C-alpha atoms as a PDB file:
ATOM      1  CA  MET A   1      -0.083  -0.102  -0.014  1.00  0.00           C
ATOM      2  CA  THR A   2       1.371   3.419  -0.990  1.00  0.00           C
ATOM      3  CA  SER A   3       0.722   6.298   0.969  1.00  0.00           C
ATOM      4  CA  GLY A   4       0.856   9.141  -2.060  1.00  0.00           C
ATOM      5  CA  TYR A   5       3.809  10.888   0.136  1.00  0.00           C
ATOM      6  CA  GLY A   6       7.561  10.744  -0.865  1.00  0.00           C
ATOM      7  CA  THR A   7       9.725   7.649   0.485  1.00  0.00           C
ATOM      8  CA  GLU A   8      10.901   9.953   3.541  1.00  0.00           C
ATOM      9  CA  TRP A   9       7.438  10.414   4.972  1.00  0.00           C
ATOM     10  CA  GLU A  10       6.646   6.895   5.014  1.00  0.00           C
ATOM     11  CA  PRO A  11       8.015   6.034   8.525  1.00  0.00           C
ATOM     12  CA  LEU A  12       5.552   9.067   9.660  1.00  0.00           C
ATOM     13  CA  VAL A  13       2.780   7.717   7.782  1.00  0.00           C
ATOM     14  CA  ARG A  14       3.273   4.187   9.309  1.00  0.00           C
ATOM     15  CA  ALA A  15       3.504   5.589  12.848  1.00  0.00           C
ATOM     16  CA  LEU A  16       0.458   7.467  12.548  1.00  0.00           C
ATOM     17  CA  ARG A  17      -1.653   4.514  10.695  1.00  0.00           C
ATOM     18  CA  ARG A  18      -0.489   2.558  13.813  1.00  0.00           C
ATOM     19  CA  LEU A  19      -1.809   5.049  15.963  1.00  0.00           C
ATOM     20  CA  ALA A  20      -5.173   5.520  14.150  1.00  0.00           C
ATOM     21  CA  THR A  21      -5.192   1.838  14.424  1.00  0.00           C
ATOM     22  CA  SER A  22      -4.186   1.049  18.393  1.00  0.00           C
ATOM     23  CA  SER A  23      -6.968   3.895  19.494  1.00  0.00           C
ATOM     24  CA  HIS A  24      -9.743   2.413  17.508  1.00  0.00           C
ATOM     25  CA  GLY A  25      -9.865   5.962  15.478  1.00  0.00           C
ATOM     26  CA  SER A  26     -10.432   6.273  11.526  1.00  0.00           C
ATOM     27  CA  LEU A  27      -7.428   8.794  11.169  1.00  0.00           C
ATOM     28  CA  ALA A  28      -4.295  10.514  12.425  1.00  0.00           C
ATOM     29  CA  PHE A  29      -2.722  13.454  11.282  1.00  0.00           C
ATOM     30  CA  VAL A  30      -0.262  16.092  12.042  1.00  0.00           C
ATOM     31  CA  VAL A  31      -1.502  19.980  11.480  1.00  0.00           C
ATOM     32  CA  ASP A  32       0.287  22.869  12.043  1.00  0.00           C
ATOM     33  CA  THR A  33       0.216  26.665  13.213  1.00  0.00           C
ATOM     34  CA  GLY A  34      -0.176  27.915   9.541  1.00  0.00           C
ATOM     35  CA  ASN A  35      -3.326  25.025   9.028  1.00  0.00           C
ATOM     36  CA  ILE A  36      -1.261  23.037   6.622  1.00  0.00           C
ATOM     37  CA  LEU A  37      -2.083  19.148   6.893  1.00  0.00           C
ATOM     38  CA  TRP A  38       1.450  18.080   7.305  1.00  0.00           C
ATOM     39  CA  CYS A  39       0.407  14.260   6.822  1.00  0.00           C
ATOM     40  CA  ALA A  40      -2.512  11.776   7.595  1.00  0.00           C
ATOM     41  CA  ALA A  41      -2.968   8.276   7.449  1.00  0.00           C
ATOM     42  CA  PRO A  42      -5.965   6.189   8.181  1.00  0.00           C
ATOM     43  CA  SER A  43      -6.676   3.159  10.426  1.00  0.00           C
ATOM     44  CA  LEU A  44      -5.827  -0.248   9.002  1.00  0.00           C
ATOM     45  CA  ALA A  45      -9.338  -1.151  10.021  1.00  0.00           C
ATOM     46  CA  ARG A  46     -11.237   1.688   7.566  1.00  0.00           C
ATOM     47  CA  GLU A  47     -10.478   2.409   4.318  1.00  0.00           C
ATOM     48  CA  PRO A  48      -8.633   5.548   3.374  1.00  0.00           C
ATOM     49  CA  GLN A  49     -10.504   8.717   3.965  1.00  0.00           C
ATOM     50  CA  GLY A  50      -9.439  10.561   1.009  1.00  0.00           C
ATOM     51  CA  ALA A  51      -7.914  14.033   0.845  1.00  0.00           C
ATOM     52  CA  MET A  52     -11.198  15.690   1.295  1.00  0.00           C
ATOM     53  CA  LYS A  53     -11.833  13.950   4.489  1.00  0.00           C
ATOM     54  CA  GLU A  54      -8.219  14.516   5.829  1.00  0.00           C
ATOM     55  CA  ASN A  55      -8.578  18.340   4.771  1.00  0.00           C
ATOM     56  CA  LEU A  56     -12.217  18.517   6.511  1.00  0.00           C
ATOM     57  CA  ALA A  57     -10.647  16.715   9.767  1.00  0.00           C
ATOM     58  CA  ALA A  58      -7.757  18.891   9.794  1.00  0.00           C
ATOM     59  CA  THR A  59      -9.590  22.133   9.493  1.00  0.00           C
ATOM     60  CA  GLU A  60     -12.032  21.294  12.089  1.00  0.00           C
ATOM     61  CA  VAL A  61      -9.202  21.119  14.934  1.00  0.00           C
ATOM     62  CA  TYR A  62      -7.460  24.207  13.110  1.00  0.00           C
ATOM     63  CA  GLU A  63     -10.031  26.183  13.688  1.00  0.00           C
ATOM     64  CA  ALA A  64     -11.754  24.885  17.125  1.00  0.00           C
ATOM     65  CA  GLU A  65      -8.100  24.284  19.062  1.00  0.00           C
ATOM     66  CA  ILE A  66      -5.349  25.568  17.219  1.00  0.00           C
ATOM     67  CA  GLU A  67      -6.282  29.042  15.766  1.00  0.00           C
ATOM     68  CA  PRO A  68      -7.788  30.405  19.475  1.00  0.00           C
ATOM     69  CA  ARG A  69      -4.292  29.046  20.992  1.00  0.00           C
ATOM     70  CA  ILE A  70      -1.808  30.088  18.259  1.00  0.00           C
ATOM     71  CA  ALA A  71      -0.180  32.693  20.444  1.00  0.00           C
ATOM     72  CA  PRO A  72       0.465  30.605  23.402  1.00  0.00           C
ATOM     73  CA  LEU A  73       1.422  27.792  21.016  1.00  0.00           C
ATOM     74  CA  ARG A  74       4.085  30.006  19.559  1.00  0.00           C
ATOM     75  CA  ARG A  75       5.292  30.983  23.231  1.00  0.00           C
ATOM     76  CA  GLY A  76       5.679  26.931  23.846  1.00  0.00           C
ATOM     77  CA  GLU A  77       2.569  26.305  25.840  1.00  0.00           C
ATOM     78  CA  ARG A  78       1.243  22.697  25.005  1.00  0.00           C
ATOM     79  CA  PHE A  79      -2.530  21.582  25.094  1.00  0.00           C
ATOM     80  CA  ASN A  80      -4.279  17.815  25.103  1.00  0.00           C
ATOM     81  CA  THR A  81      -8.176  18.384  24.374  1.00  0.00           C
ATOM     82  CA  SER A  82     -10.789  16.086  22.840  1.00  0.00           C
ATOM     83  CA  ARG A  83     -14.156  16.428  21.667  1.00  0.00           C
ATOM     84  CA  ASP A  84     -16.881  14.051  21.644  1.00  0.00           C
ATOM     85  CA  GLU A  85     -20.049  15.372  19.406  1.00  0.00           C
ATOM     86  CA  SER A  86     -21.465  13.956  16.439  1.00  0.00           C
ATOM     87  CA  GLY A  87     -19.735  15.230  13.706  1.00  0.00           C
ATOM     88  CA  ALA A  88     -16.341  16.220  15.243  1.00  0.00           C
ATOM     89  CA  ARG A  89     -14.760  13.491  17.216  1.00  0.00           C
ATOM     90  CA  TYR A  90     -11.217  14.048  18.091  1.00  0.00           C
ATOM     91  CA  TYR A  91      -8.330  13.819  20.424  1.00  0.00           C
ATOM     92  CA  ALA A  92      -5.766  16.476  19.735  1.00  0.00           C
ATOM     93  CA  CYS A  93      -2.067  17.296  21.534  1.00  0.00           C
ATOM     94  CA  SER A  94       0.377  19.829  20.189  1.00  0.00           C
ATOM     95  CA  PHE A  95       4.138  19.624  19.901  1.00  0.00           C
ATOM     96  CA  ALA A  96       7.509  21.429  19.469  1.00  0.00           C
ATOM     97  CA  ALA A  97       5.410  24.855  19.242  1.00  0.00           C
ATOM     98  CA  THR A  98       4.356  24.463  15.613  1.00  0.00           C
ATOM     99  CA  TYR A  99       2.087  20.936  15.306  1.00  0.00           C
ATOM    100  CA  VAL A 100      -0.870  19.395  16.439  1.00  0.00           C
ATOM    101  CA  LEU A 101      -0.986  15.593  16.426  1.00  0.00           C
ATOM    102  CA  ALA A 102      -5.081  14.377  16.186  1.00  0.00           C
ATOM    103  CA  VAL A 103      -7.066  11.357  16.214  1.00  0.00           C
ATOM    104  CA  TRP A 104     -10.177  11.409  14.263  1.00  0.00           C
ATOM    105  CA  PHE A 105     -12.864   9.088  14.967  1.00  0.00           C
ATOM    106  CA  GLU A 106     -16.218   8.454  13.432  1.00  0.00           C
ATOM    107  CA  GLU A 107     -17.729   6.782  16.704  1.00  0.00           C
ATOM    108  CA  PRO A 108     -17.776   7.853  20.536  1.00  0.00           C
ATOM    109  CA  PHE A 109     -14.024   6.694  21.692  1.00  0.00           C
ATOM    110  CA  ASP A 110     -12.500   5.933  25.177  1.00  0.00           C
ATOM    111  CA  LEU A 111     -10.535   9.092  25.957  1.00  0.00           C
ATOM    112  CA  ALA A 112      -8.468   7.358  28.892  1.00  0.00           C
ATOM    113  CA  VAL A 113      -7.396   4.534  26.064  1.00  0.00           C
ATOM    114  CA  VAL A 114      -6.781   7.097  23.431  1.00  0.00           C
ATOM    115  CA  ALA A 115      -4.895   9.395  25.727  1.00  0.00           C
ATOM    116  CA  ALA A 116      -2.429   6.490  26.620  1.00  0.00           C
ATOM    117  CA  GLU A 117      -2.007   5.347  23.261  1.00  0.00           C
ATOM    118  CA  VAL A 118      -0.881   9.158  22.060  1.00  0.00           C
ATOM    119  CA  GLU A 119       1.383   9.684  24.805  1.00  0.00           C
ATOM    120  CA  ARG A 120       2.864   6.402  23.708  1.00  0.00           C
ATOM    121  CA  ALA A 121       3.125   7.266  20.314  1.00  0.00           C
ATOM    122  CA  LEU A 122       3.875  11.272  20.495  1.00  0.00           C
ATOM    123  CA  PRO A 123       7.812  10.661  21.025  1.00  0.00           C
ATOM    124  CA  LYS A 124       8.502   8.725  17.840  1.00  0.00           C
ATOM    125  CA  ILE A 125       5.890  11.090  16.139  1.00  0.00           C
ATOM    126  CA  LYS A 126       7.574  14.677  17.082  1.00  0.00           C
ATOM    127  CA  GLU A 127      10.920  12.877  16.001  1.00  0.00           C
ATOM    128  CA  LEU A 128       9.738  11.672  12.408  1.00  0.00           C
ATOM    129  CA  VAL A 129       8.015  15.191  11.997  1.00  0.00           C
ATOM    130  CA  LEU A 130      11.096  17.264  13.385  1.00  0.00           C
ATOM    131  CA  GLY A 131      13.258  15.112  10.605  1.00  0.00           C
ATOM    132  CA  LEU A 132      11.413  15.767   7.560  1.00  0.00           C
ATOM    133  CA  PRO A 133      12.105  18.788   4.877  1.00  0.00           C
ATOM    134  CA  PRO A 134      10.172  22.057   4.899  1.00  0.00           C
ATOM    135  CA  LEU A 135       7.627  21.410   2.918  1.00  0.00           C
ATOM    136  CA  GLY A 136       8.829  23.993   0.188  1.00  0.00           C
ATOM    137  CA  GLY A 137      11.770  22.035  -0.032  1.00  0.00           C
ATOM    138  CA  PRO A 138      15.371  23.244   1.310  1.00  0.00           C
ATOM    139  CA  GLY A 139      15.628  26.601   3.089  1.00  0.00           C
ATOM    140  CA  SER A 140      12.197  27.651   1.765  1.00  0.00           C
ATOM    141  CA  ASP A 141      11.046  27.858   5.418  1.00  0.00           C
ATOM    142  CA  ALA A 142      13.732  29.547   7.588  1.00  0.00           C
ATOM    143  CA  GLY A 143      11.261  30.577  10.173  1.00  0.00           C
ATOM    144  CA  ALA A 144      10.013  27.254  10.812  1.00  0.00           C
ATOM    145  CA  VAL A 145      13.406  25.538  10.939  1.00  0.00           C
ATOM    146  CA  LYS A 146      14.382  28.373  13.600  1.00  0.00           C
ATOM    147  CA  VAL A 147      11.214  27.374  15.598  1.00  0.00           C
ATOM    148  CA  ARG A 148      12.021  23.536  15.131  1.00  0.00           C
ATOM    149  CA  ALA A 149      15.184  23.436  16.286  1.00  0.00           C
END
Protein backbone atom coordinates (compact mmCIF):
# COMPACT_ATOMS: atom_id res chain seq x y z
CA MET A 1 0.00 0.00 0.00
CA THR A 2 1.42 3.33 -1.00
CA SER A 3 0.48 6.50 0.84
CA GLY A 4 1.07 9.04 -1.88
CA TYR A 5 3.73 10.75 0.23
CA GLY A 6 7.41 10.61 -0.73
CA THR A 7 9.71 7.91 0.62
CA GLU A 8 11.06 10.14 3.41
CA TRP A 9 7.48 10.48 4.71
CA GLU A 10 6.70 6.74 4.87
CA PRO A 11 7.90 6.22 8.48
CA LEU A 12 5.57 9.02 9.61
CA VAL A 13 2.68 7.57 7.60
CA ARG A 14 3.27 4.17 9.26
CA ALA A 15 3.46 5.73 12.76
CA LEU A 16 0.22 7.66 12.20
CA ARG A 17 -1.50 4.54 10.82
CA ARG A 18 -0.40 2.55 13.89
CA LEU A 19 -1.72 5.29 16.20
CA ALA A 20 -5.09 5.49 14.40
CA THR A 21 -5.39 1.70 14.57
CA SER A 22 -4.31 1.26 18.21
CA SER A 23 -6.59 4.05 19.43
CA HIS A 24 -9.57 2.74 17.39
CA GLY A 25 -9.74 5.96 15.39
CA SER A 26 -10.43 6.32 11.71
CA LEU A 27 -7.57 8.73 10.96
CA ALA A 28 -4.46 10.22 12.59
CA PHE A 29 -2.79 13.36 11.30
CA VAL A 30 -0.41 16.24 11.99
CA VAL A 31 -1.45 19.82 11.25
CA ASP A 32 0.55 22.97 12.01
CA THR A 33 -0.20 26.49 13.24
CA GLY A 34 -0.29 27.69 9.63
CA ASN A 35 -3.25 25.35 8.97
CA ILE A 36 -1.10 23.05 6.83
CA LEU A 37 -1.89 19.35 6.95
CA TRP A 38 1.55 17.75 7.11
CA CYS A 39 0.61 14.11 6.97
CA ALA A 40 -2.42 11.89 7.52
CA ALA A 41 -3.02 8.16 7.58
CA PRO A 42 -6.16 6.06 8.04
CA SER A 43 -6.48 3.21 10.49
CA LEU A 44 -5.73 -0.25 9.12
CA ALA A 45 -9.31 -1.15 10.07
CA ARG A 46 -10.78 1.59 7.84
CA GLU A 47 -10.84 2.40 4.19
CA PRO A 48 -8.63 5.33 3.21
CA GLN A 49 -10.44 8.58 4.00
CA GLY A 50 -9.34 10.53 0.95
CA ALA A 51 -7.87 14.01 0.83
CA MET A 52 -11.26 15.73 1.25
CA LYS A 53 -12.02 13.95 4.55
CA GLU A 54 -8.47 14.48 5.80
CA ASN A 55 -8.61 18.20 5.00
CA LEU A 56 -12.04 18.61 6.61
CA ALA A 57 -10.84 16.90 9.80
CA ALA A 58 -7.65 18.98 9.91
CA THR A 59 -9.60 22.21 9.31
CA GLU A 60 -12.02 21.34 12.12
CA VAL A 61 -9.16 20.77 14.57
CA TYR A 62 -7.35 23.89 13.37
CA GLU A 63 -10.35 26.20 13.72
CA ALA A 64 -11.56 24.80 17.05
CA GLU A 65 -8.27 24.14 18.83
CA ILE A 66 -5.23 25.69 17.14
CA GLU A 67 -6.39 29.07 15.87
CA PRO A 68 -7.56 30.29 19.30
CA ARG A 69 -4.22 29.17 20.83
CA ILE A 70 -1.67 30.30 18.22
CA ALA A 71 0.08 32.90 20.38
CA PRO A 72 0.45 30.62 23.44
CA LEU A 73 1.57 27.72 21.22
CA ARG A 74 4.28 29.85 19.64
CA ARG A 75 5.47 30.71 23.16
CA GLY A 76 5.87 27.00 23.83
CA GLU A 77 2.65 26.31 25.72
CA ARG A 78 1.12 22.90 25.06
CA PHE A 79 -2.39 21.55 25.07
CA ASN A 80 -4.22 18.23 25.11
CA THR A 81 -7.92 18.34 24.32
CA SER A 82 -10.74 16.21 23.06
CA ARG A 83 -14.16 16.60 21.53
CA ASP A 84 -16.77 13.88 21.33
CA GLU A 85 -19.77 15.31 19.52
CA SER A 86 -21.53 13.92 16.49
CA GLY A 87 -19.65 15.16 13.44
CA ALA A 88 -16.53 16.20 15.34
CA ARG A 89 -14.86 13.51 17.41
CA TYR A 90 -11.15 13.83 18.05
CA TYR A 91 -8.29 13.90 20.49
CA ALA A 92 -5.55 16.46 19.83
CA CYS A 93 -2.28 17.46 21.46
CA SER A 94 0.34 20.01 20.53
CA PHE A 95 4.09 19.56 20.29
CA ALA A 96 7.20 21.52 19.26
CA ALA A 97 5.42 24.92 19.38
CA THR A 98 4.11 24.48 15.83
CA TYR A 99 2.39 21.11 15.41
CA VAL A 100 -0.71 19.30 16.58
CA LEU A 101 -1.16 15.54 16.48
CA ALA A 102 -4.81 14.50 16.22
CA VAL A 103 -6.76 11.27 16.07
CA TRP A 104 -10.18 11.49 14.40
CA PHE A 105 -13.09 9.18 15.25
CA GLU A 106 -16.33 8.21 13.55
CA GLU A 107 -17.80 6.78 16.78
CA PRO A 108 -17.63 7.77 20.47
CA PHE A 109 -14.22 6.88 21.94
CA ASP A 110 -12.60 5.97 25.25
CA LEU A 111 -10.63 9.08 26.23
CA ALA A 112 -8.31 7.22 28.63
CA VAL A 113 -7.32 4.67 25.97
CA VAL A 114 -6.74 7.32 23.32
CA ALA A 115 -4.74 9.60 25.64
CA ALA A 116 -2.49 6.68 26.61
CA GLU A 117 -1.96 5.65 22.96
CA VAL A 118 -1.12 9.23 21.92
CA GLU A 119 1.29 9.64 24.83
CA ARG A 120 3.03 6.41 23.82
CA ALA A 121 3.24 7.37 20.12
CA LEU A 122 4.04 11.08 20.44
CA PRO A 123 7.83 10.90 20.99
CA LYS A 124 8.36 8.91 17.78
CA ILE A 125 5.92 11.00 15.76
CA LYS A 126 7.59 14.19 17.01
CA GLU A 127 11.01 12.84 16.02
CA LEU A 128 9.74 11.93 12.55
CA VAL A 129 8.00 15.27 11.94
CA LEU A 130 10.98 17.32 13.11
CA GLY A 131 13.27 15.25 10.87
CA LEU A 132 11.33 16.06 7.69
CA PRO A 133 12.51 18.69 5.22
CA PRO A 134 10.45 21.92 5.01
CA LEU A 135 7.34 21.45 2.88
CA GLY A 136 8.54 23.90 0.22
CA GLY A 137 11.97 22.30 -0.06
CA PRO A 138 15.30 23.00 1.62
CA GLY A 139 15.71 26.56 2.87
CA SER A 140 12.17 27.58 1.95
CA ASP A 141 10.94 28.07 5.48
CA ALA A 142 13.75 29.49 7.61
CA GLY A 143 11.32 30.68 10.30
CA ALA A 144 9.83 27.23 10.74
CA VAL A 145 13.28 25.66 10.80
CA LYS A 146 14.28 28.07 13.58
CA VAL A 147 11.13 27.25 15.56
CA ARG A 148 11.59 23.50 15.00
CA ALA A 149 15.23 23.57 16.19
